[in-house]
PDB file of N, CA and C in Angstrom:
ATOM      1  N   MET A   1       0.844  -1.187  -0.103  1.00  0.00           N
ATOM      2  CA  MET A   1      -0.028  -0.002  -0.031  1.00  0.00           C
ATOM      3  C   MET A   1       0.847   1.179   0.040  1.00  0.00           C
ATOM      4  N   THR A   2       1.934   1.253   0.765  1.00  0.00           N
ATOM      5  CA  THR A   2       2.891   2.383   0.805  1.00  0.00           C
ATOM      6  C   THR A   2       3.421   2.813  -0.493  1.00  0.00           C
ATOM      7  N   THR A   3       3.764   1.770  -1.269  1.00  0.00           N
ATOM      8  CA  THR A   3       4.534   1.961  -2.526  1.00  0.00           C
ATOM      9  C   THR A   3       3.427   2.599  -3.533  1.00  0.00           C
ATOM     10  N   ILE A   4       2.151   2.222  -3.522  1.00  0.00           N
ATOM     11  CA  ILE A   4       1.128   2.808  -4.321  1.00  0.00           C
ATOM     12  C   ILE A   4       0.880   4.329  -3.991  1.00  0.00           C
ATOM     13  N   LEU A   5       0.787   4.544  -2.604  1.00  0.00           N
ATOM     14  CA  LEU A   5       0.621   5.866  -2.116  1.00  0.00           C
ATOM     15  C   LEU A   5       1.883   6.754  -2.531  1.00  0.00           C
ATOM     16  N   THR A   6       3.110   6.203  -2.401  1.00  0.00           N
ATOM     17  CA  THR A   6       4.299   7.058  -2.832  1.00  0.00           C
ATOM     18  C   THR A   6       4.196   7.330  -4.310  1.00  0.00           C
ATOM     19  N   ARG A   7       3.770   6.384  -5.099  1.00  0.00           N
ATOM     20  CA  ARG A   7       3.726   6.633  -6.543  1.00  0.00           C
ATOM     21  C   ARG A   7       2.628   7.690  -6.863  1.00  0.00           C
ATOM     22  N   LEU A   8       1.555   7.603  -6.014  1.00  0.00           N
ATOM     23  CA  LEU A   8       0.513   8.617  -6.331  1.00  0.00           C
ATOM     24  C   LEU A   8       0.994   9.885  -5.838  1.00  0.00           C
ATOM     25  N   HIS A   9       1.755   9.894  -4.687  1.00  0.00           N
ATOM     26  CA  HIS A   9       2.230  11.293  -4.351  1.00  0.00           C
ATOM     27  C   HIS A   9       3.280  11.792  -5.377  1.00  0.00           C
ATOM     28  N   ASP A  10       4.137  11.010  -5.906  1.00  0.00           N
ATOM     29  CA  ASP A  10       5.010  11.409  -6.984  1.00  0.00           C
ATOM     30  C   ASP A  10       4.387  11.916  -8.222  1.00  0.00           C
ATOM     31  N   LYS A  11       3.124  11.472  -8.537  1.00  0.00           N
ATOM     32  CA  LYS A  11       2.351  11.961  -9.631  1.00  0.00           C
ATOM     33  C   LYS A  11       1.531  13.169  -9.328  1.00  0.00           C
ATOM     34  N   GLY A  12       1.436  13.519  -8.060  1.00  0.00           N
ATOM     35  CA  GLY A  12       0.666  14.709  -7.731  1.00  0.00           C
ATOM     36  C   GLY A  12      -0.807  14.444  -7.483  1.00  0.00           C
ATOM     37  N   VAL A  13      -1.152  13.086  -7.411  1.00  0.00           N
ATOM     38  CA  VAL A  13      -2.612  12.838  -7.177  1.00  0.00           C
ATOM     39  C   VAL A  13      -2.944  12.891  -5.612  1.00  0.00           C
ATOM     40  N   VAL A  14      -1.980  12.615  -4.731  1.00  0.00           N
ATOM     41  CA  VAL A  14      -2.152  12.811  -3.280  1.00  0.00           C
ATOM     42  C   VAL A  14      -1.095  13.614  -2.672  1.00  0.00           C
ATOM     43  N   ASP A  15      -1.312  14.236  -1.530  1.00  0.00           N
ATOM     44  CA  ASP A  15      -0.361  15.048  -0.840  1.00  0.00           C
ATOM     45  C   ASP A  15      -0.090  14.162   0.467  1.00  0.00           C
ATOM     46  N   ARG A  16       0.920  14.478   1.279  1.00  0.00           N
ATOM     47  CA  ARG A  16       1.112  13.852   2.495  1.00  0.00           C
ATOM     48  C   ARG A  16       1.788  14.858   3.444  1.00  0.00           C
ATOM     49  N   ARG A  17       1.394  14.349   4.752  1.00  0.00           N
ATOM     50  CA  ARG A  17       1.999  15.151   5.914  1.00  0.00           C
ATOM     51  C   ARG A  17       2.561  14.083   6.856  1.00  0.00           C
ATOM     52  N   ARG A  18       3.646  14.502   7.390  1.00  0.00           N
ATOM     53  CA  ARG A  18       4.331  13.689   8.468  1.00  0.00           C
ATOM     54  C   ARG A  18       3.532  13.392   9.630  1.00  0.00           C
ATOM     55  N   GLN A  19       3.324  12.227   9.893  1.00  0.00           N
ATOM     56  CA  GLN A  19       2.461  11.714  11.141  1.00  0.00           C
ATOM     57  C   GLN A  19       3.190  10.605  11.821  1.00  0.00           C
ATOM     58  N   GLY A  20       3.740  11.009  12.920  1.00  0.00           N
ATOM     59  CA  GLY A  20       4.508   9.898  13.577  1.00  0.00           C
ATOM     60  C   GLY A  20       5.804   9.596  12.896  1.00  0.00           C
ATOM     61  N   ARG A  21       5.962   8.207  12.612  1.00  0.00           N
ATOM     62  CA  ARG A  21       7.055   7.909  11.888  1.00  0.00           C
ATOM     63  C   ARG A  21       6.726   7.756  10.453  1.00  0.00           C
ATOM     64  N   GLY A  22       5.560   7.917  10.079  1.00  0.00           N
ATOM     65  CA  GLY A  22       5.077   7.725   8.766  1.00  0.00           C
ATOM     66  C   GLY A  22       4.436   8.866   8.105  1.00  0.00           C
ATOM     67  N   TYR A  23       3.529   8.881   7.163  1.00  0.00           N
ATOM     68  CA  TYR A  23       2.819   9.863   6.547  1.00  0.00           C
ATOM     69  C   TYR A  23       1.403   9.567   6.554  1.00  0.00           C
ATOM     70  N   ALA A  24       0.691  10.804   6.640  1.00  0.00           N
ATOM     71  CA  ALA A  24      -0.703  10.664   6.341  1.00  0.00           C
ATOM     72  C   ALA A  24      -1.081  11.249   4.917  1.00  0.00           C
ATOM     73  N   TYR A  25      -1.647  10.431   4.171  1.00  0.00           N
ATOM     74  CA  TYR A  25      -1.921  10.861   2.657  1.00  0.00           C
ATOM     75  C   TYR A  25      -3.363  11.371   2.513  1.00  0.00           C
ATOM     76  N   PHE A  26      -3.536  12.334   1.698  1.00  0.00           N
ATOM     77  CA  PHE A  26      -4.870  13.048   1.403  1.00  0.00           C
ATOM     78  C   PHE A  26      -4.876  13.279   0.008  1.00  0.00           C
ATOM     79  N   PRO A  27      -6.055  13.343  -0.760  1.00  0.00           N
ATOM     80  CA  PRO A  27      -6.147  13.685  -2.171  1.00  0.00           C
ATOM     81  C   PRO A  27      -5.960  15.053  -2.270  1.00  0.00           C
ATOM     82  N   VAL A  28      -5.276  15.507  -3.561  1.00  0.00           N
ATOM     83  CA  VAL A  28      -5.228  16.805  -3.821  1.00  0.00           C
ATOM     84  C   VAL A  28      -6.469  17.341  -4.358  1.00  0.00           C
ATOM     85  N   GLN A  29      -6.974  18.490  -3.781  1.00  0.00           N
ATOM     86  CA  GLN A  29      -8.287  19.010  -3.891  1.00  0.00           C
ATOM     87  C   GLN A  29      -8.199  20.415  -4.588  1.00  0.00           C
ATOM     88  N   ASP A  30      -7.133  21.110  -4.538  1.00  0.00           N
ATOM     89  CA  ASP A  30      -6.987  22.518  -4.977  1.00  0.00           C
ATOM     90  C   ASP A  30      -7.093  22.409  -6.555  1.00  0.00           C
ATOM     91  N   ALA A  31      -7.862  23.333  -7.013  1.00  0.00           N
ATOM     92  CA  ALA A  31      -8.108  23.306  -8.535  1.00  0.00           C
ATOM     93  C   ALA A  31      -6.896  23.469  -9.280  1.00  0.00           C
ATOM     94  N   GLN A  32      -5.948  24.552  -8.916  1.00  0.00           N
ATOM     95  CA  GLN A  32      -4.680  24.639  -9.462  1.00  0.00           C
ATOM     96  C   GLN A  32      -3.876  23.322  -9.596  1.00  0.00           C
ATOM     97  N   ASP A  33      -3.816  22.519  -8.418  1.00  0.00           N
ATOM     98  CA  ASP A  33      -3.202  21.259  -8.442  1.00  0.00           C
ATOM     99  C   ASP A  33      -3.840  20.395  -9.416  1.00  0.00           C
ATOM    100  N   ALA A  34      -5.045  20.284  -9.419  1.00  0.00           N
ATOM    101  CA  ALA A  34      -5.907  19.465 -10.381  1.00  0.00           C
ATOM    102  C   ALA A  34      -5.570  19.721 -11.763  1.00  0.00           C
ATOM    103  N   HIS A  35      -5.555  21.053 -12.045  1.00  0.00           N
ATOM    104  CA  HIS A  35      -5.217  21.481 -13.473  1.00  0.00           C
ATOM    105  C   HIS A  35      -3.755  20.928 -13.851  1.00  0.00           C
ATOM    106  N   GLY A  36      -2.817  21.025 -12.773  1.00  0.00           N
ATOM    107  CA  GLY A  36      -1.407  20.570 -13.014  1.00  0.00           C
ATOM    108  C   GLY A  36      -1.346  19.233 -13.254  1.00  0.00           C
ATOM    109  N   LEU A  37      -2.155  18.400 -12.502  1.00  0.00           N
ATOM    110  CA  LEU A  37      -2.344  17.002 -12.592  1.00  0.00           C
ATOM    111  C   LEU A  37      -2.793  16.625 -14.094  1.00  0.00           C
ATOM    112  N   THR A  38      -3.673  17.301 -14.561  1.00  0.00           N
ATOM    113  CA  THR A  38      -4.250  17.020 -15.888  1.00  0.00           C
ATOM    114  C   THR A  38      -3.239  17.255 -16.892  1.00  0.00           C
ATOM    115  N   ALA A  39      -2.539  18.442 -16.798  1.00  0.00           N
ATOM    116  CA  ALA A  39      -1.408  18.756 -17.729  1.00  0.00           C
ATOM    117  C   ALA A  39      -0.314  17.744 -17.658  1.00  0.00           C
ATOM    118  N   ARG A  40       0.031  17.266 -16.487  1.00  0.00           N
ATOM    119  CA  ARG A  40       1.124  16.086 -16.389  1.00  0.00           C
ATOM    120  C   ARG A  40       0.646  14.898 -16.953  1.00  0.00           C
ATOM    121  N   ARG A  41      -0.617  14.544 -16.910  1.00  0.00           N
ATOM    122  CA  ARG A  41      -1.170  13.297 -17.551  1.00  0.00           C
ATOM    123  C   ARG A  41      -1.123  13.385 -18.975  1.00  0.00           C
ATOM    124  N   MET A  42      -1.453  14.713 -19.649  1.00  0.00           N
ATOM    125  CA  MET A  42      -1.464  14.945 -20.990  1.00  0.00           C
ATOM    126  C   MET A  42       0.103  14.649 -21.547  1.00  0.00           C
ATOM    127  N   HIS A  43       0.990  15.284 -20.811  1.00  0.00           N
ATOM    128  CA  HIS A  43       2.348  15.123 -21.136  1.00  0.00           C
ATOM    129  C   HIS A  43       2.705  13.691 -21.223  1.00  0.00           C
ATOM    130  N   SER A  44       2.270  12.887 -20.083  1.00  0.00           N
ATOM    131  CA  SER A  44       2.609  11.559 -20.017  1.00  0.00           C
ATOM    132  C   SER A  44       2.180  10.700 -21.181  1.00  0.00           C
ATOM    133  N   GLU A  45       0.892  11.062 -21.673  1.00  0.00           N
ATOM    134  CA  GLU A  45       0.344  10.227 -22.789  1.00  0.00           C
ATOM    135  C   GLU A  45       1.170  10.722 -23.993  1.00  0.00           C
ATOM    136  N   LEU A  46       1.499  11.945 -24.075  1.00  0.00           N
ATOM    137  CA  LEU A  46       2.218  12.456 -25.357  1.00  0.00           C
ATOM    138  C   LEU A  46       3.635  11.647 -25.368  1.00  0.00           C
ATOM    139  N   ASP A  47       4.217  11.454 -24.174  1.00  0.00           N
ATOM    140  CA  ASP A  47       5.511  10.860 -24.172  1.00  0.00           C
ATOM    141  C   ASP A  47       5.450   9.277 -24.511  1.00  0.00           C
ATOM    142  N   ARG A  48       4.368   8.760 -24.470  1.00  0.00           N
ATOM    143  CA  ARG A  48       4.186   7.276 -24.702  1.00  0.00           C
ATOM    144  C   ARG A  48       4.607   7.012 -26.202  1.00  0.00           C
ATOM    145  N   ASP A  49       4.325   8.031 -27.029  1.00  0.00           N
ATOM    146  CA  ASP A  49       4.433   7.723 -28.522  1.00  0.00           C
ATOM    147  C   ASP A  49       5.624   8.433 -28.978  1.00  0.00           C
ATOM    148  N   SER A  50       6.417   7.857 -29.963  1.00  0.00           N
ATOM    149  CA  SER A  50       7.683   8.568 -30.488  1.00  0.00           C
ATOM    150  C   SER A  50       7.349   9.493 -31.545  1.00  0.00           C
ATOM    151  N   ASP A  51       6.069   9.419 -32.164  1.00  0.00           N
ATOM    152  CA  ASP A  51       5.743  10.406 -33.281  1.00  0.00           C
ATOM    153  C   ASP A  51       4.847  11.348 -32.617  1.00  0.00           C
ATOM    154  N   ARG A  52       5.450  12.329 -31.900  1.00  0.00           N
ATOM    155  CA  ARG A  52       4.722  13.486 -31.278  1.00  0.00           C
ATOM    156  C   ARG A  52       3.924  14.185 -32.215  1.00  0.00           C
ATOM    157  N   GLU A  53       4.329  14.445 -33.474  1.00  0.00           N
ATOM    158  CA  GLU A  53       3.714  15.329 -34.347  1.00  0.00           C
ATOM    159  C   GLU A  53       2.306  14.736 -34.839  1.00  0.00           C
ATOM    160  N   THR A  54       2.287  13.478 -35.160  1.00  0.00           N
ATOM    161  CA  THR A  54       1.072  12.732 -35.377  1.00  0.00           C
ATOM    162  C   THR A  54       0.159  12.787 -34.168  1.00  0.00           C
ATOM    163  N   VAL A  55       0.667  12.427 -32.966  1.00  0.00           N
ATOM    164  CA  VAL A  55      -0.191  12.580 -31.794  1.00  0.00           C
ATOM    165  C   VAL A  55      -0.883  13.911 -31.657  1.00  0.00           C
ATOM    166  N   LEU A  56      -0.010  14.925 -31.609  1.00  0.00           N
ATOM    167  CA  LEU A  56      -0.620  16.308 -31.497  1.00  0.00           C
ATOM    168  C   LEU A  56      -1.478  16.716 -32.718  1.00  0.00           C
ATOM    169  N   ALA A  57      -1.165  16.248 -33.986  1.00  0.00           N
ATOM    170  CA  ALA A  57      -2.079  16.520 -35.026  1.00  0.00           C
ATOM    171  C   ALA A  57      -3.417  16.047 -34.735  1.00  0.00           C
ATOM    172  N   ARG A  58      -3.451  14.751 -34.320  1.00  0.00           N
ATOM    173  CA  ARG A  58      -4.677  14.150 -34.078  1.00  0.00           C
ATOM    174  C   ARG A  58      -5.628  14.752 -32.911  1.00  0.00           C
ATOM    175  N   PHE A  59      -4.737  15.213 -31.913  1.00  0.00           N
ATOM    176  CA  PHE A  59      -5.324  15.841 -30.834  1.00  0.00           C
ATOM    177  C   PHE A  59      -6.024  17.082 -31.303  1.00  0.00           C
ATOM    178  N   VAL A  60      -5.300  17.889 -31.943  1.00  0.00           N
ATOM    179  CA  VAL A  60      -5.956  19.185 -32.500  1.00  0.00           C
ATOM    180  C   VAL A  60      -6.954  18.921 -33.489  1.00  0.00           C
ATOM    181  N   ALA A  61      -6.924  18.066 -34.380  1.00  0.00           N
ATOM    182  CA  ALA A  61      -8.012  17.641 -35.274  1.00  0.00           C
ATOM    183  C   ALA A  61      -9.342  17.347 -34.574  1.00  0.00           C
ATOM    184  N   GLN A  62      -9.306  16.842 -33.292  1.00  0.00           N
ATOM    185  CA  GLN A  62     -10.469  16.501 -32.607  1.00  0.00           C
ATOM    186  C   GLN A  62     -10.936  17.569 -31.683  1.00  0.00           C
ATOM    187  N   LEU A  63     -10.260  18.705 -31.635  1.00  0.00           N
ATOM    188  CA  LEU A  63     -10.744  19.911 -30.854  1.00  0.00           C
ATOM    189  C   LEU A  63     -12.166  20.487 -31.318  1.00  0.00           C
ATOM    190  N   GLY A  64     -12.985  21.005 -30.490  1.00  0.00           N
ATOM    191  CA  GLY A  64     -14.051  21.659 -30.957  1.00  0.00           C
ATOM    192  C   GLY A  64     -13.761  23.096 -31.222  1.00  0.00           C
ATOM    193  N   PRO A  65     -14.592  23.986 -31.797  1.00  0.00           N
ATOM    194  CA  PRO A  65     -14.370  25.272 -32.328  1.00  0.00           C
ATOM    195  C   PRO A  65     -13.805  26.151 -31.051  1.00  0.00           C
ATOM    196  N   ASP A  66     -14.471  25.956 -29.808  1.00  0.00           N
ATOM    197  CA  ASP A  66     -14.137  26.819 -28.719  1.00  0.00           C
ATOM    198  C   ASP A  66     -12.753  26.400 -28.189  1.00  0.00           C
ATOM    199  N   ASP A  67     -12.468  25.094 -28.070  1.00  0.00           N
ATOM    200  CA  ASP A  67     -11.088  24.780 -27.647  1.00  0.00           C
ATOM    201  C   ASP A  67      -9.985  25.036 -28.701  1.00  0.00           C
ATOM    202  N   GLU A  68     -10.327  25.085 -30.024  1.00  0.00           N
ATOM    203  CA  GLU A  68      -9.424  25.329 -31.065  1.00  0.00           C
ATOM    204  C   GLU A  68      -9.004  27.028 -30.759  1.00  0.00           C
ATOM    205  N   ARG A  69     -10.017  27.691 -30.443  1.00  0.00           N
ATOM    206  CA  ARG A  69      -9.888  29.154 -30.415  1.00  0.00           C
ATOM    207  C   ARG A  69      -8.948  29.486 -29.248  1.00  0.00           C
ATOM    208  N   ILE A  70      -9.183  28.717 -28.063  1.00  0.00           N
ATOM    209  CA  ILE A  70      -8.387  28.871 -26.943  1.00  0.00           C
ATOM    210  C   ILE A  70      -7.039  28.481 -27.099  1.00  0.00           C
ATOM    211  N   LEU A  71      -6.729  27.349 -27.766  1.00  0.00           N
ATOM    212  CA  LEU A  71      -5.389  26.982 -28.160  1.00  0.00           C
ATOM    213  C   LEU A  71      -4.702  27.950 -28.963  1.00  0.00           C
ATOM    214  N   ARG A  72      -5.434  28.393 -30.039  1.00  0.00           N
ATOM    215  CA  ARG A  72      -4.638  29.466 -30.913  1.00  0.00           C
ATOM    216  C   ARG A  72      -4.300  30.695 -30.052  1.00  0.00           C
ATOM    217  N   ALA A  73      -5.199  31.096 -29.210  1.00  0.00           N
ATOM    218  CA  ALA A  73      -4.856  32.271 -28.396  1.00  0.00           C
ATOM    219  C   ALA A  73      -3.685  32.027 -27.512  1.00  0.00           C
ATOM    220  N   LEU A  74      -3.671  30.814 -26.946  1.00  0.00           N
ATOM    221  CA  LEU A  74      -2.571  30.514 -25.913  1.00  0.00           C
ATOM    222  C   LEU A  74      -1.224  30.406 -26.859  1.00  0.00           C
ATOM    223  N   LEU A  75      -1.288  29.989 -27.962  1.00  0.00           N
ATOM    224  CA  LEU A  75      -0.087  29.768 -28.820  1.00  0.00           C
ATOM    225  C   LEU A  75       0.370  31.132 -29.156  1.00  0.00           C
ATOM    226  N   ALA A  76      -0.539  31.976 -29.504  1.00  0.00           N
ATOM    227  CA  ALA A  76      -0.209  33.392 -29.913  1.00  0.00           C
ATOM    228  C   ALA A  76       0.472  34.107 -28.761  1.00  0.00           C
ATOM    229  N   SER A  77       0.084  33.904 -27.652  1.00  0.00           N
ATOM    230  CA  SER A  77       0.555  34.590 -26.275  1.00  0.00           C
ATOM    231  C   SER A  77       1.712  33.828 -25.797  1.00  0.00           C
ATOM    232  N   ASP A  78       2.320  32.826 -26.532  1.00  0.00           N
ATOM    233  CA  ASP A  78       3.271  32.266 -26.046  1.00  0.00           C
ATOM    234  C   ASP A  78       3.069  31.218 -24.832  1.00  0.00           C
ATOM    235  N   GLY A  79       1.841  30.788 -24.927  1.00  0.00           N
ATOM    236  CA  GLY A  79       1.312  29.980 -23.686  1.00  0.00           C
ATOM    237  C   GLY A  79       1.225  30.621 -22.295  1.00  0.00           C
ATOM    238  N   ARG A  80       1.232  31.830 -22.040  1.00  0.00           N
ATOM    239  CA  ARG A  80       1.219  32.446 -20.898  1.00  0.00           C
ATOM    240  C   ARG A  80      -0.230  33.088 -20.621  1.00  0.00           C
TER     241      ARG A  80
END
C-alpha cells in the first residue's frame, strides 16, 4: 500500500504530511493542483508515443471550435 501511495504522491494525485514515523496521505483538492495533474497526464500520454507530431495533429484535429480558439490564443500569447 505504501508503494502505491508513494507513486500517487510522486504523480501529484495525493499529498502527504508527516504523522509519527510515517505519513498521512490525502487527495489533492486544490483546483490549481488538479489542473497541473491534468497537464502532467497529457504530457505523460504524449511521451508514450515517439511520433509526437502525429499525436498532436490528431489531438488538434479533434478539438471543438471553442477549444481550438483557446489553443490558438494560447499559442499566440506564447502559452502564458
